[in-house]
PDB file of N, CA and C in Angstrom:
ATOM      1  N   UNK A   1      99.974 271.794 -85.252  1.00  0.00           N
ATOM      2  CA  UNK A   1     100.381 272.705 -86.313  1.00  0.00           C
ATOM      3  C   UNK A   1      99.821 274.091 -86.021  1.00  0.00           C
ATOM      4  N   UNK A   2     100.625 275.104 -86.273  1.00  0.00           N
ATOM      5  CA  UNK A   2     100.162 276.485 -86.182  1.00  0.00           C
ATOM      6  C   UNK A   2      99.627 276.890 -87.544  1.00  0.00           C
ATOM      7  N   UNK A   3      98.476 277.534 -87.527  1.00  0.00           N
ATOM      8  CA  UNK A   3      97.851 278.002 -88.759  1.00  0.00           C
ATOM      9  C   UNK A   3      97.701 279.516 -88.665  1.00  0.00           C
ATOM     10  N   UNK A   4      98.191 280.222 -89.689  1.00  0.00           N
ATOM     11  CA  UNK A   4      98.055 281.673 -89.738  1.00  0.00           C
ATOM     12  C   UNK A   4      97.282 282.018 -91.001  1.00  0.00           C
ATOM     13  N   UNK A   5      96.186 282.732 -90.812  1.00  0.00           N
ATOM     14  CA  UNK A   5      95.357 283.177 -91.931  1.00  0.00           C
ATOM     15  C   UNK A   5      95.431 284.696 -92.006  1.00  0.00           C
ATOM     16  N   UNK A   6      95.790 285.208 -93.173  1.00  0.00           N
ATOM     17  CA  UNK A   6      95.779 286.648 -93.407  1.00  0.00           C
ATOM     18  C   UNK A   6      94.513 286.976 -94.189  1.00  0.00           C
ATOM     19  N   UNK A   7      93.768 287.954 -93.694  1.00  0.00           N
ATOM     20  CA  UNK A   7      92.520 288.359 -94.317  1.00  0.00           C
ATOM     21  C   UNK A   7      92.782 289.570 -95.195  1.00  0.00           C
ATOM     22  N   UNK A   8      92.247 289.552 -96.406  1.00  0.00           N
ATOM     23  CA  UNK A   8      92.477 290.643 -97.349  1.00  0.00           C
ATOM     24  C   UNK A   8      91.173 291.116 -97.971  1.00  0.00           C
ATOM     25  N   UNK A   9      91.195 292.368 -98.374  1.00  0.00           N
ATOM     26  CA  UNK A   9      90.142 292.961 -99.203  1.00  0.00           C
ATOM     27  C   UNK A   9      90.875 293.663-100.323  1.00  0.00           C
ATOM     28  N   UNK A  10      90.826 293.074-101.515  1.00  0.00           N
ATOM     29  CA  UNK A  10      91.624 293.601-102.616  1.00  0.00           C
ATOM     30  C   UNK A  10      93.096 293.447-102.274  1.00  0.00           C
ATOM     31  N   UNK A  11      93.833 294.534-102.349  1.00  0.00           N
ATOM     32  CA  UNK A  11      95.268 294.527-102.042  1.00  0.00           C
ATOM     33  C   UNK A  11      95.549 294.771-100.560  1.00  0.00           C
ATOM     34  N   UNK A  12      94.532 295.133 -99.804  1.00  0.00           N
ATOM     35  CA  UNK A  12      94.710 295.512 -98.394  1.00  0.00           C
ATOM     36  C   UNK A  12      94.616 294.302 -97.470  1.00  0.00           C
ATOM     37  N   UNK A  13      95.619 294.135 -96.620  1.00  0.00           N
ATOM     38  CA  UNK A  13      95.547 293.135 -95.561  1.00  0.00           C
ATOM     39  C   UNK A  13      94.722 293.768 -94.451  1.00  0.00           C
ATOM     40  N   UNK A  14      93.645 293.105 -94.048  1.00  0.00           N
ATOM     41  CA  UNK A  14      92.747 293.666 -93.042  1.00  0.00           C
ATOM     42  C   UNK A  14      92.949 293.061 -91.658  1.00  0.00           C
ATOM     43  N   UNK A  15      93.775 292.029 -91.588  1.00  0.00           N
ATOM     44  CA  UNK A  15      94.057 291.414 -90.296  1.00  0.00           C
ATOM     45  C   UNK A  15      94.562 289.998 -90.464  1.00  0.00           C
ATOM     46  N   UNK A  16      94.673 289.306 -89.334  1.00  0.00           N
ATOM     47  CA  UNK A  16      95.136 287.924 -89.352  1.00  0.00           C
ATOM     48  C   UNK A  16      94.616 287.179 -88.132  1.00  0.00           C
ATOM     49  N   UNK A  17      94.651 285.843 -88.243  1.00  0.00           N
ATOM     50  CA  UNK A  17      94.359 284.966 -87.109  1.00  0.00           C
ATOM     51  C   UNK A  17      95.468 283.923 -87.060  1.00  0.00           C
ATOM     52  N   UNK A  18      96.053 283.765 -85.898  1.00  0.00           N
ATOM     53  CA  UNK A  18      97.107 282.783 -85.668  1.00  0.00           C
ATOM     54  C   UNK A  18      96.599 281.829 -84.602  1.00  0.00           C
ATOM     55  N   UNK A  19      96.605 280.525 -84.914  1.00  0.00           N
ATOM     56  CA  UNK A  19      96.041 279.575 -83.951  1.00  0.00           C
ATOM     57  C   UNK A  19      96.829 278.274 -83.903  1.00  0.00           C
ATOM     58  N   UNK A  20      96.823 277.686 -82.737  1.00  0.00           N
ATOM     59  CA  UNK A  20      97.411 276.371 -82.535  1.00  0.00           C
ATOM     60  C   UNK A  20      98.880 276.394 -82.177  1.00  0.00           C
ATOM     61  N   UNK A  21      99.310 275.307 -81.556  1.00  0.00           N
ATOM     62  CA  UNK A  21     100.722 275.114 -81.243  1.00  0.00           C
ATOM     63  C   UNK A  21     101.371 274.349 -82.390  1.00  0.00           C
ATOM     64  N   UNK A  22     102.587 274.704 -82.698  1.00  0.00           N
ATOM     65  CA  UNK A  22     103.251 274.083 -83.846  1.00  0.00           C
ATOM     66  C   UNK A  22     103.501 272.593 -83.642  1.00  0.00           C
ATOM     67  N   UNK A  23     103.809 272.197 -82.428  1.00  0.00           N
ATOM     68  CA  UNK A  23     104.132 270.802 -82.175  1.00  0.00           C
ATOM     69  C   UNK A  23     105.558 270.455 -82.550  1.00  0.00           C
ATOM     70  N   UNK A  24     106.356 271.458 -82.872  1.00  0.00           N
ATOM     71  CA  UNK A  24     107.746 271.209 -83.248  1.00  0.00           C
ATOM     72  C   UNK A  24     108.575 270.745 -82.050  1.00  0.00           C
ATOM     73  N   UNK A  25     108.276 271.321 -80.901  1.00  0.00           N
ATOM     74  CA  UNK A  25     108.996 270.959 -79.685  1.00  0.00           C
ATOM     75  C   UNK A  25     108.031 270.858 -78.531  1.00  0.00           C
ATOM     76  N   UNK A  26     108.569 270.553 -77.382  1.00  0.00           N
ATOM     77  CA  UNK A  26     107.758 270.440 -76.173  1.00  0.00           C
ATOM     78  C   UNK A  26     107.161 271.807 -75.827  1.00  0.00           C
ATOM     79  N   UNK A  27     105.880 271.825 -75.447  1.00  0.00           N
ATOM     80  CA  UNK A  27     105.220 273.080 -75.097  1.00  0.00           C
ATOM     81  C   UNK A  27     106.009 273.790 -73.998  1.00  0.00           C
ATOM     82  N   UNK A  28     106.270 275.062 -74.214  1.00  0.00           N
ATOM     83  CA  UNK A  28     107.076 275.849 -73.294  1.00  0.00           C
ATOM     84  C   UNK A  28     108.534 275.915 -73.713  1.00  0.00           C
ATOM     85  N   UNK A  29     108.952 275.032 -74.615  1.00  0.00           N
ATOM     86  CA  UNK A  29     110.327 275.022 -75.103  1.00  0.00           C
ATOM     87  C   UNK A  29     110.358 274.886 -76.629  1.00  0.00           C
ATOM     88  N   UNK A  30     109.262 275.228 -77.284  1.00  0.00           N
ATOM     89  CA  UNK A  30     109.117 275.084 -78.731  1.00  0.00           C
ATOM     90  C   UNK A  30     109.654 276.341 -79.415  1.00  0.00           C
ATOM     91  N   UNK A  31     110.806 276.224 -80.075  1.00  0.00           N
ATOM     92  CA  UNK A  31     111.424 277.401 -80.682  1.00  0.00           C
ATOM     93  C   UNK A  31     110.598 277.962 -81.835  1.00  0.00           C
ATOM     94  N   UNK A  32     109.877 277.112 -82.544  1.00  0.00           N
ATOM     95  CA  UNK A  32     109.049 277.606 -83.644  1.00  0.00           C
ATOM     96  C   UNK A  32     107.876 278.413 -83.101  1.00  0.00           C
ATOM     97  N   UNK A  33     107.201 277.896 -82.075  1.00  0.00           N
ATOM     98  CA  UNK A  33     106.104 278.656 -81.444  1.00  0.00           C
ATOM     99  C   UNK A  33     106.621 279.990 -80.905  1.00  0.00           C
ATOM    100  N   UNK A  34     107.802 279.966 -80.312  1.00  0.00           N
ATOM    101  CA  UNK A  34     108.374 281.200 -79.768  1.00  0.00           C
ATOM    102  C   UNK A  34     108.650 282.213 -80.878  1.00  0.00           C
ATOM    103  N   UNK A  35     109.159 281.755 -82.007  1.00  0.00           N
ATOM    104  CA  UNK A  35     109.447 282.654 -83.129  1.00  0.00           C
ATOM    105  C   UNK A  35     108.161 283.260 -83.689  1.00  0.00           C
ATOM    106  N   UNK A  36     107.132 282.436 -83.825  1.00  0.00           N
ATOM    107  CA  UNK A  36     105.851 282.913 -84.353  1.00  0.00           C
ATOM    108  C   UNK A  36     105.218 283.902 -83.382  1.00  0.00           C
ATOM    109  N   UNK A  37     105.171 283.532 -82.112  1.00  0.00           N
ATOM    110  CA  UNK A  37     104.565 284.398 -81.094  1.00  0.00           C
ATOM    111  C   UNK A  37     105.275 285.734 -81.017  1.00  0.00           C
ATOM    112  N   UNK A  38     106.585 285.711 -81.043  1.00  0.00           N
ATOM    113  CA  UNK A  38     107.356 286.947 -80.970  1.00  0.00           C
ATOM    114  C   UNK A  38     107.062 287.858 -82.161  1.00  0.00           C
ATOM    115  N   UNK A  39     107.004 287.284 -83.356  1.00  0.00           N
ATOM    116  CA  UNK A  39     106.723 288.077 -84.556  1.00  0.00           C
ATOM    117  C   UNK A  39     105.310 288.656 -84.517  1.00  0.00           C
ATOM    118  N   UNK A  40     104.349 287.856 -84.073  1.00  0.00           N
ATOM    119  CA  UNK A  40     102.954 288.316 -83.988  1.00  0.00           C
ATOM    120  C   UNK A  40     102.838 289.435 -82.961  1.00  0.00           C
ATOM    121  N   UNK A  41     103.458 289.282 -81.807  1.00  0.00           N
ATOM    122  CA  UNK A  41     103.404 290.313 -80.760  1.00  0.00           C
ATOM    123  C   UNK A  41     104.089 291.603 -81.214  1.00  0.00           C
ATOM    124  N   UNK A  42     105.234 291.481 -81.881  1.00  0.00           N
ATOM    125  CA  UNK A  42     105.924 292.668 -82.392  1.00  0.00           C
ATOM    126  C   UNK A  42     105.038 293.401 -83.395  1.00  0.00           C
ATOM    127  N   UNK A  43     104.383 292.652 -84.257  1.00  0.00           N
ATOM    128  CA  UNK A  43     103.480 293.249 -85.249  1.00  0.00           C
ATOM    129  C   UNK A  43     102.329 293.971 -84.568  1.00  0.00           C
ATOM    130  N   UNK A  44     101.699 293.322 -83.603  1.00  0.00           N
ATOM    131  CA  UNK A  44     100.577 293.936 -82.884  1.00  0.00           C
ATOM    132  C   UNK A  44     101.018 295.200 -82.157  1.00  0.00           C
ATOM    133  N   UNK A  45     102.154 295.154 -81.489  1.00  0.00           N
ATOM    134  CA  UNK A  45     102.647 296.337 -80.764  1.00  0.00           C
ATOM    135  C   UNK A  45     102.995 297.476 -81.717  1.00  0.00           C
ATOM    136  N   UNK A  46     103.602 297.144 -82.850  1.00  0.00           N
ATOM    137  CA  UNK A  46     103.951 298.176 -83.832  1.00  0.00           C
ATOM    138  C   UNK A  46     102.692 298.848 -84.366  1.00  0.00           C
ATOM    139  N   UNK A  47     101.696 298.043 -84.728  1.00  0.00           N
ATOM    140  CA  UNK A  47     100.465 298.594 -85.290  1.00  0.00           C
ATOM    141  C   UNK A  47      99.711 299.431 -84.263  1.00  0.00           C
ATOM    142  N   UNK A  48      99.533 298.923 -83.059  1.00  0.00           N
ATOM    143  CA  UNK A  48      98.711 299.627 -82.069  1.00  0.00           C
ATOM    144  C   UNK A  48      99.473 300.657 -81.256  1.00  0.00           C
ATOM    145  N   UNK A  49     100.647 300.325 -80.793  1.00  0.00           N
ATOM    146  CA  UNK A  49     101.362 301.236 -79.893  1.00  0.00           C
ATOM    147  C   UNK A  49     102.216 302.262 -80.632  1.00  0.00           C
ATOM    148  N   UNK A  50     102.899 301.846 -81.680  1.00  0.00           N
ATOM    149  CA  UNK A  50     103.777 302.764 -82.408  1.00  0.00           C
ATOM    150  C   UNK A  50     102.984 303.602 -83.411  1.00  0.00           C
ATOM    151  N   UNK A  51     102.146 302.940 -84.203  1.00  0.00           N
ATOM    152  CA  UNK A  51     101.370 303.659 -85.221  1.00  0.00           C
ATOM    153  C   UNK A  51     100.106 304.301 -84.660  1.00  0.00           C
ATOM    154  N   UNK A  52      99.664 303.846 -83.491  1.00  0.00           N
ATOM    155  CA  UNK A  52      98.463 304.414 -82.883  1.00  0.00           C
ATOM    156  C   UNK A  52      97.166 303.942 -83.515  1.00  0.00           C
ATOM    157  N   UNK A  53      97.237 302.881 -84.295  1.00  0.00           N
ATOM    158  CA  UNK A  53      96.038 302.311 -84.899  1.00  0.00           C
ATOM    159  C   UNK A  53      95.255 301.588 -83.819  1.00  0.00           C
ATOM    160  N   UNK A  54      93.975 301.619 -83.905  1.00  0.00           N
ATOM    161  CA  UNK A  54      93.144 300.942 -82.915  1.00  0.00           C
ATOM    162  C   UNK A  54      92.640 299.611 -83.476  1.00  0.00           C
ATOM    163  N   UNK A  55      93.600 298.740 -83.782  1.00  0.00           N
ATOM    164  CA  UNK A  55      93.229 297.412 -84.279  1.00  0.00           C
ATOM    165  C   UNK A  55      92.631 296.608 -83.129  1.00  0.00           C
ATOM    166  N   UNK A  56      91.608 295.852 -83.446  1.00  0.00           N
ATOM    167  CA  UNK A  56      90.973 294.993 -82.446  1.00  0.00           C
ATOM    168  C   UNK A  56      91.816 293.728 -82.310  1.00  0.00           C
ATOM    169  N   UNK A  57      92.169 293.398 -81.082  1.00  0.00           N
ATOM    170  CA  UNK A  57      92.971 292.203 -80.821  1.00  0.00           C
ATOM    171  C   UNK A  57      92.210 291.319 -79.845  1.00  0.00           C
ATOM    172  N   UNK A  58      92.064 290.048 -80.218  1.00  0.00           N
ATOM    173  CA  UNK A  58      91.420 289.063 -79.340  1.00  0.00           C
ATOM    174  C   UNK A  58      92.403 287.926 -79.114  1.00  0.00           C
ATOM    175  N   UNK A  59      92.545 287.551 -77.857  1.00  0.00           N
ATOM    176  CA  UNK A  59      93.419 286.438 -77.483  1.00  0.00           C
ATOM    177  C   UNK A  59      92.587 285.394 -76.762  1.00  0.00           C
ATOM    178  N   UNK A  60      92.732 284.152 -77.180  1.00  0.00           N
ATOM    179  CA  UNK A  60      92.076 283.039 -76.508  1.00  0.00           C
ATOM    180  C   UNK A  60      93.176 282.049 -76.130  1.00  0.00           C
ATOM    181  N   UNK A  61      93.588 282.098 -74.881  1.00  0.00           N
ATOM    182  CA  UNK A  61      94.682 281.247 -74.437  1.00  0.00           C
ATOM    183  C   UNK A  61      94.307 279.768 -74.460  1.00  0.00           C
ATOM    184  N   UNK A  62      93.052 279.458 -74.239  1.00  0.00           N
ATOM    185  CA  UNK A  62      92.616 278.061 -74.232  1.00  0.00           C
ATOM    186  C   UNK A  62      92.827 277.393 -75.593  1.00  0.00           C
ATOM    187  N   UNK A  63      92.635 278.151 -76.675  1.00  0.00           N
ATOM    188  CA  UNK A  63      92.813 277.597 -78.020  1.00  0.00           C
ATOM    189  C   UNK A  63      94.096 278.091 -78.687  1.00  0.00           C
ATOM    190  N   UNK A  64      94.906 278.834 -77.936  1.00  0.00           N
ATOM    191  CA  UNK A  64      96.162 279.390 -78.463  1.00  0.00           C
ATOM    192  C   UNK A  64      95.894 280.171 -79.748  1.00  0.00           C
ATOM    193  N   UNK A  65      94.948 281.110 -79.665  1.00  0.00           N
ATOM    194  CA  UNK A  65      94.554 281.895 -80.841  1.00  0.00           C
ATOM    195  C   UNK A  65      94.683 283.381 -80.552  1.00  0.00           C
ATOM    196  N   UNK A  66      95.256 284.107 -81.517  1.00  0.00           N
ATOM    197  CA  UNK A  66      95.261 285.566 -81.467  1.00  0.00           C
ATOM    198  C   UNK A  66      94.749 286.061 -82.814  1.00  0.00           C
ATOM    199  N   UNK A  67      93.818 287.014 -82.753  1.00  0.00           N
ATOM    200  CA  UNK A  67      93.227 287.588 -83.955  1.00  0.00           C
ATOM    201  C   UNK A  67      93.406 289.094 -83.900  1.00  0.00           C
ATOM    202  N   UNK A  68      93.865 289.678 -84.997  1.00  0.00           N
ATOM    203  CA  UNK A  68      94.004 291.126 -85.111  1.00  0.00           C
ATOM    204  C   UNK A  68      93.172 291.569 -86.301  1.00  0.00           C
ATOM    205  N   UNK A  69      92.309 292.575 -86.084  1.00  0.00           N
ATOM    206  CA  UNK A  69      91.462 293.109 -87.139  1.00  0.00           C
ATOM    207  C   UNK A  69      91.653 294.618 -87.205  1.00  0.00           C
ATOM    208  N   UNK A  70      92.036 295.108 -88.365  1.00  0.00           N
ATOM    209  CA  UNK A  70      92.230 296.550 -88.545  1.00  0.00           C
ATOM    210  C   UNK A  70      90.902 297.277 -88.645  1.00  0.00           C
ATOM    211  N   UNK A  71      90.889 298.561 -88.265  1.00  0.00           N
ATOM    212  CA  UNK A  71      89.706 299.370 -88.540  1.00  0.00           C
ATOM    213  C   UNK A  71      89.601 299.611 -90.053  1.00  0.00           C
ATOM    214  N   UNK A  72      88.496 300.163 -90.489  1.00  0.00           N
ATOM    215  CA  UNK A  72      88.273 300.393 -91.921  1.00  0.00           C
ATOM    216  C   UNK A  72      89.349 301.277 -92.543  1.00  0.00           C
ATOM    217  N   UNK A  73      89.855 302.247 -91.776  1.00  0.00           N
ATOM    218  CA  UNK A  73      90.929 303.111 -92.259  1.00  0.00           C
ATOM    219  C   UNK A  73      91.957 303.311 -91.151  1.00  0.00           C
ATOM    220  N   UNK A  74      93.185 303.526 -91.558  1.00  0.00           N
ATOM    221  CA  UNK A  74      94.283 303.760 -90.615  1.00  0.00           C
ATOM    222  C   UNK A  74      95.007 305.041 -91.026  1.00  0.00           C
ATOM    223  N   UNK A  75      95.408 305.849 -90.038  1.00  0.00           N
ATOM    224  CA  UNK A  75      96.159 307.069 -90.344  1.00  0.00           C
ATOM    225  C   UNK A  75      97.493 306.746 -91.017  1.00  0.00           C
ATOM    226  N   UNK A  76      98.177 305.733 -90.529  1.00  0.00           N
ATOM    227  CA  UNK A  76      99.473 305.321 -91.077  1.00  0.00           C
ATOM    228  C   UNK A  76      99.319 304.054 -91.913  1.00  0.00           C
ATOM    229  N   UNK A  77      98.388 304.074 -92.848  1.00  0.00           N
ATOM    230  CA  UNK A  77      98.039 302.880 -93.629  1.00  0.00           C
ATOM    231  C   UNK A  77      99.257 302.245 -94.297  1.00  0.00           C
ATOM    232  N   UNK A  78     100.121 303.050 -94.866  1.00  0.00           N
ATOM    233  CA  UNK A  78     101.285 302.516 -95.576  1.00  0.00           C
ATOM    234  C   UNK A  78     102.212 301.754 -94.621  1.00  0.00           C
ATOM    235  N   UNK A  79     102.442 302.302 -93.443  1.00  0.00           N
ATOM    236  CA  UNK A  79     103.305 301.650 -92.452  1.00  0.00           C
ATOM    237  C   UNK A  79     102.633 300.390 -91.918  1.00  0.00           C
ATOM    238  N   UNK A  80     101.346 300.471 -91.644  1.00  0.00           N
ATOM    239  CA  UNK A  80     100.606 299.309 -91.138  1.00  0.00           C
ATOM    240  C   UNK A  80     100.638 298.181 -92.159  1.00  0.00           C
ATOM    241  N   UNK A  81     100.405 298.488 -93.419  1.00  0.00           N
ATOM    242  CA  UNK A  81     100.435 297.466 -94.461  1.00  0.00           C
ATOM    243  C   UNK A  81     101.835 296.880 -94.635  1.00  0.00           C
ATOM    244  N   UNK A  82     102.853 297.721 -94.534  1.00  0.00           N
ATOM    245  CA  UNK A  82     104.228 297.220 -94.628  1.00  0.00           C
ATOM    246  C   UNK A  82     104.539 296.291 -93.460  1.00  0.00           C
ATOM    247  N   UNK A  83     104.040 296.624 -92.283  1.00  0.00           N
ATOM    248  CA  UNK A  83     104.258 295.790 -91.101  1.00  0.00           C
ATOM    249  C   UNK A  83     103.582 294.436 -91.267  1.00  0.00           C
ATOM    250  N   UNK A  84     102.336 294.435 -91.724  1.00  0.00           N
ATOM    251  CA  UNK A  84     101.622 293.176 -91.944  1.00  0.00           C
ATOM    252  C   UNK A  84     102.244 292.356 -93.081  1.00  0.00           C
ATOM    253  N   UNK A  85     102.697 293.025 -94.128  1.00  0.00           N
ATOM    254  CA  UNK A  85     103.370 292.325 -95.229  1.00  0.00           C
ATOM    255  C   UNK A  85     104.675 291.699 -94.757  1.00  0.00           C
ATOM    256  N   UNK A  86     105.379 292.411 -93.875  1.00  0.00           N
ATOM    257  CA  UNK A  86     106.609 291.870 -93.309  1.00  0.00           C
ATOM    258  C   UNK A  86     106.342 290.623 -92.486  1.00  0.00           C
ATOM    259  N   UNK A  87     105.267 290.652 -91.684  1.00  0.00           N
ATOM    260  CA  UNK A  87     104.890 289.477 -90.899  1.00  0.00           C
ATOM    261  C   UNK A  87     104.572 288.315 -91.828  1.00  0.00           C
ATOM    262  N   UNK A  88     103.790 288.574 -92.861  1.00  0.00           N
ATOM    263  CA  UNK A  88     103.422 287.518 -93.793  1.00  0.00           C
ATOM    264  C   UNK A  88     104.668 286.921 -94.458  1.00  0.00           C
ATOM    265  N   UNK A  89     105.563 287.761 -94.912  1.00  0.00           N
ATOM    266  CA  UNK A  89     106.790 287.295 -95.564  1.00  0.00           C
ATOM    267  C   UNK A  89     107.621 286.434 -94.618  1.00  0.00           C
ATOM    268  N   UNK A  90     107.783 286.902 -93.390  1.00  0.00           N
ATOM    269  CA  UNK A  90     108.544 286.159 -92.391  1.00  0.00           C
ATOM    270  C   UNK A  90     107.924 284.784 -92.133  1.00  0.00           C
ATOM    271  N   UNK A  91     106.603 284.746 -91.955  1.00  0.00           N
ATOM    272  CA  UNK A  91     105.933 283.480 -91.668  1.00  0.00           C
ATOM    273  C   UNK A  91     105.971 282.524 -92.861  1.00  0.00           C
ATOM    274  N   UNK A  92     105.883 283.044 -94.073  1.00  0.00           N
ATOM    275  CA  UNK A  92     105.989 282.202 -95.265  1.00  0.00           C
ATOM    276  C   UNK A  92     107.391 281.580 -95.331  1.00  0.00           C
ATOM    277  N   UNK A  93     108.409 282.357 -94.996  1.00  0.00           N
ATOM    278  CA  UNK A  93     109.773 281.821 -94.976  1.00  0.00           C
ATOM    279  C   UNK A  93     109.923 280.749 -93.897  1.00  0.00           C
ATOM    280  N   UNK A  94     109.326 280.979 -92.728  1.00  0.00           N
ATOM    281  CA  UNK A  94     109.352 279.951 -91.683  1.00  0.00           C
ATOM    282  C   UNK A  94     108.632 278.682 -92.138  1.00  0.00           C
ATOM    283  N   UNK A  95     107.524 278.867 -92.841  1.00  0.00           N
ATOM    284  CA  UNK A  95     106.762 277.714 -93.349  1.00  0.00           C
ATOM    285  C   UNK A  95     107.622 276.864 -94.284  1.00  0.00           C
ATOM    286  N   UNK A  96     108.460 277.516 -95.075  1.00  0.00           N
ATOM    287  CA  UNK A  96     109.340 276.776 -95.978  1.00  0.00           C
ATOM    288  C   UNK A  96     110.340 275.926 -95.197  1.00  0.00           C
ATOM    289  N   UNK A  97     110.760 276.405 -94.024  1.00  0.00           N
ATOM    290  CA  UNK A  97     111.697 275.659 -93.189  1.00  0.00           C
ATOM    291  C   UNK A  97     111.003 274.574 -92.366  1.00  0.00           C
ATOM    292  N   UNK A  98     109.751 274.824 -91.982  1.00  0.00           N
ATOM    293  CA  UNK A  98     109.003 273.924 -91.093  1.00  0.00           C
ATOM    294  C   UNK A  98     107.622 273.598 -91.672  1.00  0.00           C
ATOM    295  N   UNK A  99     107.567 273.008 -92.861  1.00  0.00           N
ATOM    296  CA  UNK A  99     106.267 272.809 -93.524  1.00  0.00           C
ATOM    297  C   UNK A  99     105.306 271.872 -92.793  1.00  0.00           C
ATOM    298  N   UNK A 100     105.803 271.015 -91.937  1.00  0.00           N
ATOM    299  CA  UNK A 100     104.927 270.096 -91.215  1.00  0.00           C
ATOM    300  C   UNK A 100     104.364 270.705 -89.938  1.00  0.00           C
ATOM    301  N   UNK A 101     104.792 271.939 -89.614  1.00  0.00           N
ATOM    302  CA  UNK A 101     104.429 272.528 -88.340  1.00  0.00           C
ATOM    303  C   UNK A 101     103.773 273.909 -88.452  1.00  0.00           C
ATOM    304  N   UNK A 102     103.794 274.494 -89.656  1.00  0.00           N
ATOM    305  CA  UNK A 102     103.261 275.843 -89.862  1.00  0.00           C
ATOM    306  C   UNK A 102     102.571 275.925 -91.219  1.00  0.00           C
ATOM    307  N   UNK A 103     101.378 276.501 -91.217  1.00  0.00           N
ATOM    308  CA  UNK A 103     100.641 276.742 -92.454  1.00  0.00           C
ATOM    309  C   UNK A 103     100.267 278.219 -92.494  1.00  0.00           C
ATOM    310  N   UNK A 104     100.475 278.862 -93.633  1.00  0.00           N
ATOM    311  CA  UNK A 104     100.162 280.291 -93.815  1.00  0.00           C
ATOM    312  C   UNK A 104      99.248 280.413 -95.022  1.00  0.00           C
ATOM    313  N   UNK A 105      98.099 281.055 -94.808  1.00  0.00           N
ATOM    314  CA  UNK A 105      97.096 281.188 -95.862  1.00  0.00           C
ATOM    315  C   UNK A 105      96.689 282.643 -96.032  1.00  0.00           C
ATOM    316  N   UNK A 106      96.334 282.995 -97.252  1.00  0.00           N
ATOM    317  CA  UNK A 106      95.746 284.299 -97.522  1.00  0.00           C
ATOM    318  C   UNK A 106      94.307 284.060 -97.913  1.00  0.00           C
ATOM    319  N   UNK A 107      93.374 284.631 -97.129  1.00  0.00           N
ATOM    320  CA  UNK A 107      91.947 284.411 -97.387  1.00  0.00           C
ATOM    321  C   UNK A 107      91.210 285.717 -97.557  1.00  0.00           C
TER     322      UNK A 107
END
């Protein structure tokens, strides 16, 4: 199962951690893992490359984990928050379709 945790402080999303393989399909051909990975990568690229935010990103391939942590303040805070909210919304919708393979939490 893939587990995605969104970290918040008040109304602000401060980052997320995505870990594990969904187990929906064979590793390397798992469409759910591919959808999650693609959305997470798009979010990270938008926040860091497009918005210029210096979010800390850690990848651990051995545990299939990616963690993104925002700095205390962002120049494009509204866009960054909209991007993270979009990721959360997308993953919650995927969870509704694949509840045995994806868990999304707000912590």
